[in-house]
Amino acid sequence: MKKLSAFAAAIVSSALILSSCSGSQSSAPTNLVCAFVEGYSTNKTFALSSLAQGGSAASDIEVTIGGLSTQVQQGTEVRQLFEEFLSAMSSWGSQVDSAYAVGDKAGITSAAIQLETRIDPIAARCETLGWKFQKGWR
């Protein structure tokens, strides 16, 4: 039930982002993927909450973001973008799970810094595809 709640919350937050970006000139799949990129910090929050409740950040990311894989057509630029985003978020989730398990606060911080570094070029590609990020989206 916890996973379902996190997934529903992530979908709602992305829908809110999508609705506020009516000026975007992107396709529907691009809008879906880039809305999740824009809402990555919300997904991080849900994943960390899951971890604090005895779950797994990596598993939460797989449910909330990985579940979108059927919505993005194989062999497209948007699919490649989605897979890069999922990989970045999954890697962060795994690193956070490992660091949390041993009480390594520096490891958690390092994972966040690495994620930010990976999000930057993904966000730039969203903009190239026509996505318009909200001011202060980070």
Protein backbone atom coordinates (compact mmCIF):
# COMPACT_ATOMS: atom_id res chain seq x y z
CA MET A 1 0.00 0.00 0.00
CA LYS A 2 2.93 2.30 0.78
CA LYS A 3 4.28 1.81 -2.77
CA LEU A 4 0.91 2.57 -4.29
CA SER A 5 0.62 5.78 -2.26
CA ALA A 6 4.06 6.97 -3.34
CA PHE A 7 3.28 6.14 -6.96
CA ALA A 8 -0.04 7.98 -6.80
CA ALA A 9 1.59 11.00 -5.18
CA ALA A 10 4.32 11.09 -7.84
CA ILE A 11 1.71 10.89 -10.60
CA VAL A 12 -0.29 13.72 -9.03
CA SER A 13 2.78 15.92 -8.64
CA SER A 14 3.78 15.30 -12.25
CA ALA A 15 0.23 16.00 -13.44
CA LEU A 16 0.37 19.33 -11.63
CA ILE A 17 3.66 20.13 -13.31
CA LEU A 18 2.22 19.12 -16.68
CA SER A 19 -0.87 21.27 -16.22
CA SER A 20 1.24 24.30 -15.37
CA CYS A 21 3.33 23.90 -18.54
CA SER A 22 0.65 24.44 -21.11
CA GLY A 23 3.10 26.58 -23.11
CA SER A 24 5.31 23.57 -23.72
CA GLN A 25 5.71 22.65 -27.37
CA SER A 26 6.67 19.08 -26.59
CA SER A 27 4.95 15.82 -27.50
CA ALA A 28 2.88 13.96 -24.89
CA PRO A 29 5.65 11.38 -24.17
CA THR A 30 8.22 14.17 -23.88
CA ASN A 31 5.90 16.05 -21.52
CA LEU A 32 5.46 12.93 -19.39
CA VAL A 33 9.18 12.20 -19.11
CA CYS A 34 10.24 15.81 -18.65
CA ALA A 35 7.54 16.37 -16.01
CA PHE A 36 9.15 13.60 -14.00
CA VAL A 37 12.59 15.15 -14.58
CA GLU A 38 11.21 18.46 -13.32
CA GLY A 39 9.70 16.68 -10.32
CA TYR A 40 12.77 14.62 -9.50
CA SER A 41 13.17 16.25 -6.09
CA THR A 42 9.62 15.21 -5.21
CA ASN A 43 10.46 11.66 -6.22
CA LYS A 44 13.58 11.84 -4.04
CA THR A 45 11.46 12.98 -1.10
CA PHE A 46 9.01 10.09 -1.53
CA ALA A 47 11.88 7.61 -1.87
CA LEU A 48 13.60 8.92 1.27
CA SER A 49 10.32 8.73 3.14
CA SER A 50 9.94 5.12 2.06
CA LEU A 51 13.49 4.40 3.22
CA ALA A 52 12.85 6.02 6.62
CA GLN A 53 9.77 3.80 7.02
CA GLY A 54 11.83 0.66 6.47
CA GLY A 55 11.46 0.46 2.70
CA SER A 56 13.97 1.00 -0.06
CA ALA A 57 14.65 4.19 -2.00
CA ALA A 58 15.72 2.16 -5.03
CA SER A 59 12.53 0.08 -4.96
CA ASP A 60 10.40 3.19 -4.57
CA ILE A 61 12.09 4.78 -7.60
CA GLU A 62 11.52 1.62 -9.61
CA VAL A 63 7.80 1.71 -8.76
CA THR A 64 7.24 5.45 -9.20
CA ILE A 65 9.40 6.09 -12.26
CA GLY A 66 10.04 2.62 -13.69
CA GLY A 67 6.30 2.09 -13.93
CA LEU A 68 6.20 4.69 -16.69
CA SER A 69 8.27 2.57 -19.07
CA THR A 70 5.17 1.28 -20.85
CA GLN A 71 4.14 4.88 -21.61
CA VAL A 72 7.26 5.70 -23.64
CA GLN A 73 7.78 4.12 -27.05
CA GLN A 74 10.91 2.01 -27.57
CA GLY A 75 13.57 3.25 -29.99
CA THR A 76 12.85 6.96 -29.62
CA GLU A 77 14.92 9.85 -28.34
CA VAL A 78 12.38 10.33 -25.56
CA ARG A 79 12.77 6.67 -24.55
CA GLN A 80 16.54 7.13 -24.35
CA LEU A 81 16.00 10.23 -22.21
CA PHE A 82 13.61 8.29 -19.96
CA GLU A 83 16.10 5.45 -19.55
CA GLU A 84 18.90 7.88 -18.65
CA PHE A 85 16.65 9.54 -16.08
CA LEU A 86 15.55 6.20 -14.62
CA SER A 87 19.18 5.08 -14.47
CA ALA A 88 20.23 8.26 -12.66
CA MET A 89 17.40 8.00 -10.15
CA SER A 90 17.88 4.24 -9.65
CA SER A 91 21.60 4.69 -9.08
CA TRP A 92 20.89 7.41 -6.53
CA GLY A 93 18.33 5.14 -4.81
CA SER A 94 20.79 2.25 -4.58
CA GLN A 95 23.55 4.48 -3.25
CA VAL A 96 21.22 6.00 -0.66
CA ASP A 97 19.98 2.57 0.43
CA SER A 98 23.56 1.36 0.92
CA ALA A 99 24.68 4.50 2.75
CA TYR A 100 21.59 4.55 4.98
CA ALA A 101 22.10 0.91 5.94
CA VAL A 102 25.48 1.73 7.49
CA GLY A 103 24.65 5.23 8.75
CA ASP A 104 26.90 6.93 6.19
CA LYS A 105 25.58 10.50 5.98
CA ALA A 106 28.47 11.53 3.72
CA GLY A 107 27.49 8.73 1.32
CA ILE A 108 23.94 10.05 1.16
CA THR A 109 25.22 13.55 0.43
CA SER A 110 27.59 12.20 -2.21
CA ALA A 111 24.73 10.33 -3.90
CA ALA A 112 22.71 13.56 -4.04
CA ILE A 113 25.62 15.46 -5.60
CA GLN A 114 26.12 12.73 -8.20
CA LEU A 115 22.41 12.81 -9.02
CA GLU A 116 22.47 16.58 -9.54
CA THR A 117 25.39 16.15 -11.94
CA ARG A 118 23.45 13.56 -13.93
CA ILE A 119 20.19 15.57 -13.93
CA ASP A 120 21.77 18.68 -15.51
CA PRO A 121 22.33 17.21 -19.00
CA ILE A 122 19.00 15.38 -18.88
CA ALA A 123 17.23 18.67 -18.12
CA ALA A 124 19.11 20.38 -20.95
CA ARG A 125 17.88 17.67 -23.35
CA CYS A 126 14.30 18.22 -22.16
CA GLU A 127 14.68 21.89 -23.03
CA THR A 128 16.07 20.96 -26.45
CA LEU A 129 12.96 18.84 -26.99
CA GLY A 130 10.75 21.86 -26.22
CA TRP A 131 10.07 21.44 -22.49
CA LYS A 132 9.85 24.67 -20.53
CA PHE A 133 10.84 24.27 -16.88
CA GLN A 134 9.07 26.36 -14.28
CA LYS A 135 11.13 29.10 -12.71
CA GLY A 136 12.91 27.73 -9.66
CA TRP A 137 12.08 24.10 -10.50
CA ARG A 138 15.02 22.93 -8.46
